[in-house]
């Protein structure tokens, strides 16, 4: 299964509560933190919701 490296590049301050909760669900809650996650449709949907606050890279 493919893996994604997701890094938070935008602040969660002054964002709607659902976007803040999505970042927490991805395992991100502070700037410049990264997580490696499985590439699943659920994770892709969460990334799409906060795409303006995260950077996504594919991990080989």
N, C-alpha and C. Protein backbone atom coordinates (compact mmCIF):
# COMPACT_ATOMS: atom_id res chain seq x y z
N UNK A 1 0.84 -1.18 0.00
CA UNK A 1 0.00 0.00 0.00
C UNK A 1 0.90 1.25 0.00
N UNK A 2 0.48 2.24 -0.74
CA UNK A 2 1.24 3.48 -0.83
C UNK A 2 1.15 4.26 0.48
N UNK A 3 2.16 5.07 0.73
CA UNK A 3 2.21 5.89 1.94
C UNK A 3 2.32 7.36 1.53
N UNK A 4 1.77 8.22 2.37
CA UNK A 4 1.83 9.66 2.15
C UNK A 4 2.50 10.32 3.35
N UNK A 5 3.35 11.29 3.09
CA UNK A 5 3.92 12.11 4.16
C UNK A 5 3.16 13.43 4.14
N UNK A 6 2.45 13.71 5.24
CA UNK A 6 1.63 14.90 5.35
C UNK A 6 2.28 15.83 6.38
N UNK A 7 2.55 17.07 5.97
CA UNK A 7 3.19 18.06 6.83
C UNK A 7 2.29 19.27 6.97
N UNK A 8 2.08 19.73 8.19
CA UNK A 8 1.26 20.92 8.41
C UNK A 8 2.09 22.16 8.14
N UNK A 9 1.61 23.01 7.22
CA UNK A 9 2.33 24.24 6.87
C UNK A 9 1.50 25.48 7.18
N UNK A 10 0.26 25.31 7.60
CA UNK A 10 -0.60 26.44 7.94
C UNK A 10 -1.13 26.31 9.35
N UNK A 11 -1.39 27.44 9.97
CA UNK A 11 -1.85 27.44 11.35
C UNK A 11 -3.33 27.06 11.44
N UNK A 12 -3.70 26.42 12.54
CA UNK A 12 -5.10 26.06 12.78
C UNK A 12 -5.85 27.19 13.48
N UNK A 13 -5.13 28.24 13.88
CA UNK A 13 -5.76 29.36 14.58
C UNK A 13 -6.71 30.09 13.63
N UNK A 14 -7.88 30.43 14.14
CA UNK A 14 -8.93 31.13 13.40
C UNK A 14 -9.46 30.30 12.23
N UNK A 15 -9.46 29.00 12.37
CA UNK A 15 -10.06 28.11 11.37
C UNK A 15 -11.33 27.51 11.98
N UNK A 16 -12.25 27.06 11.15
CA UNK A 16 -13.47 26.44 11.68
C UNK A 16 -13.12 25.21 12.51
N UNK A 17 -13.94 24.91 13.52
CA UNK A 17 -13.67 23.76 14.39
C UNK A 17 -13.55 22.43 13.64
N UNK A 18 -14.31 22.26 12.54
CA UNK A 18 -14.21 21.00 11.81
C UNK A 18 -12.85 20.85 11.13
N UNK A 19 -12.25 21.95 10.68
CA UNK A 19 -10.92 21.86 10.09
C UNK A 19 -9.87 21.59 11.16
N UNK A 20 -10.02 22.18 12.33
CA UNK A 20 -9.10 21.90 13.43
C UNK A 20 -9.19 20.43 13.82
N UNK A 21 -10.40 19.89 13.88
CA UNK A 21 -10.58 18.48 14.24
C UNK A 21 -9.99 17.56 13.17
N UNK A 22 -10.07 17.96 11.91
CA UNK A 22 -9.50 17.16 10.84
C UNK A 22 -7.98 17.08 10.97
N UNK A 23 -7.35 18.21 11.31
CA UNK A 23 -5.89 18.18 11.53
C UNK A 23 -5.53 17.25 12.67
N UNK A 24 -6.29 17.29 13.75
CA UNK A 24 -6.03 16.39 14.88
C UNK A 24 -6.23 14.94 14.45
N UNK A 25 -7.24 14.68 13.63
CA UNK A 25 -7.49 13.34 13.12
C UNK A 25 -6.35 12.83 12.26
N UNK A 26 -5.67 13.74 11.58
CA UNK A 26 -4.51 13.37 10.77
C UNK A 26 -3.25 13.22 11.62
N UNK A 27 -3.34 13.59 12.89
CA UNK A 27 -2.19 13.50 13.78
C UNK A 27 -1.33 14.75 13.76
N UNK A 28 -1.92 15.85 13.26
CA UNK A 28 -1.19 17.12 13.18
C UNK A 28 -1.89 18.13 14.08
N UNK A 29 -1.13 18.84 14.89
CA UNK A 29 -1.74 19.89 15.69
C UNK A 29 -0.79 21.05 15.93
N UNK A 30 0.43 20.96 15.41
CA UNK A 30 1.39 22.06 15.52
C UNK A 30 2.07 22.23 14.17
N UNK A 31 2.53 23.43 13.92
CA UNK A 31 3.18 23.75 12.65
C UNK A 31 4.41 22.87 12.41
N UNK A 32 4.60 22.49 11.17
CA UNK A 32 5.77 21.76 10.68
C UNK A 32 5.89 20.34 11.23
N UNK A 33 4.83 19.81 11.78
CA UNK A 33 4.83 18.39 12.18
C UNK A 33 4.46 17.55 10.97
N UNK A 34 5.02 16.36 10.90
CA UNK A 34 4.77 15.46 9.78
C UNK A 34 4.31 14.10 10.29
N UNK A 35 3.52 13.44 9.48
CA UNK A 35 3.07 12.08 9.75
C UNK A 35 3.08 11.31 8.44
N UNK A 36 3.44 10.04 8.53
CA UNK A 36 3.32 9.14 7.38
C UNK A 36 2.06 8.33 7.57
N UNK A 37 1.17 8.42 6.58
CA UNK A 37 -0.13 7.77 6.66
C UNK A 37 -0.35 6.90 5.43
N UNK A 38 -1.20 5.88 5.58
CA UNK A 38 -1.57 5.05 4.43
C UNK A 38 -2.41 5.87 3.46
N UNK A 39 -2.24 5.58 2.18
CA UNK A 39 -2.99 6.29 1.14
C UNK A 39 -4.34 5.59 0.95
N UNK A 40 -5.33 6.02 1.72
CA UNK A 40 -6.68 5.46 1.63
C UNK A 40 -7.66 6.57 1.23
N UNK A 41 -8.83 6.22 0.72
CA UNK A 41 -9.82 7.25 0.37
C UNK A 41 -10.21 8.13 1.56
N UNK A 42 -10.28 7.57 2.76
CA UNK A 42 -10.63 8.36 3.94
C UNK A 42 -9.56 9.41 4.23
N UNK A 43 -8.30 9.02 4.16
CA UNK A 43 -7.21 9.95 4.41
C UNK A 43 -7.17 11.01 3.32
N UNK A 44 -7.37 10.61 2.08
CA UNK A 44 -7.40 11.56 0.97
C UNK A 44 -8.50 12.60 1.16
N UNK A 45 -9.66 12.17 1.65
CA UNK A 45 -10.76 13.09 1.91
C UNK A 45 -10.41 14.09 3.00
N UNK A 46 -9.75 13.60 4.05
CA UNK A 46 -9.34 14.49 5.14
C UNK A 46 -8.30 15.51 4.64
N UNK A 47 -7.39 15.05 3.80
CA UNK A 47 -6.38 15.95 3.25
C UNK A 47 -7.04 17.00 2.36
N UNK A 48 -8.03 16.60 1.58
CA UNK A 48 -8.72 17.55 0.70
C UNK A 48 -9.41 18.64 1.51
N UNK A 49 -9.91 18.29 2.68
CA UNK A 49 -10.61 19.27 3.52
C UNK A 49 -9.68 20.35 4.04
N UNK A 50 -8.42 20.00 4.30
CA UNK A 50 -7.45 20.96 4.85
C UNK A 50 -6.26 21.14 3.91
N UNK A 51 -6.50 21.02 2.61
CA UNK A 51 -5.43 21.07 1.62
C UNK A 51 -4.65 22.38 1.67
N UNK A 52 -5.30 23.45 2.09
CA UNK A 52 -4.63 24.75 2.16
C UNK A 52 -3.70 24.87 3.36
N UNK A 53 -3.72 23.88 4.26
CA UNK A 53 -2.88 23.93 5.46
C UNK A 53 -1.85 22.81 5.52
N UNK A 54 -1.82 21.93 4.52
CA UNK A 54 -0.89 20.81 4.55
C UNK A 54 -0.15 20.67 3.23
N UNK A 55 1.02 20.03 3.33
CA UNK A 55 1.82 19.67 2.16
C UNK A 55 1.86 18.14 2.11
N UNK A 56 1.63 17.56 0.95
CA UNK A 56 1.56 16.10 0.82
C UNK A 56 2.63 15.63 -0.14
N UNK A 57 3.37 14.60 0.29
CA UNK A 57 4.40 13.97 -0.55
C UNK A 57 4.18 12.47 -0.52
N UNK A 58 4.45 11.81 -1.65
CA UNK A 58 4.37 10.35 -1.68
C UNK A 58 5.69 9.79 -1.19
N UNK A 59 5.60 8.74 -0.36
CA UNK A 59 6.79 8.09 0.17
C UNK A 59 6.97 6.77 -0.58
N UNK A 60 8.18 6.53 -1.03
CA UNK A 60 8.46 5.30 -1.79
C UNK A 60 8.60 4.12 -0.86
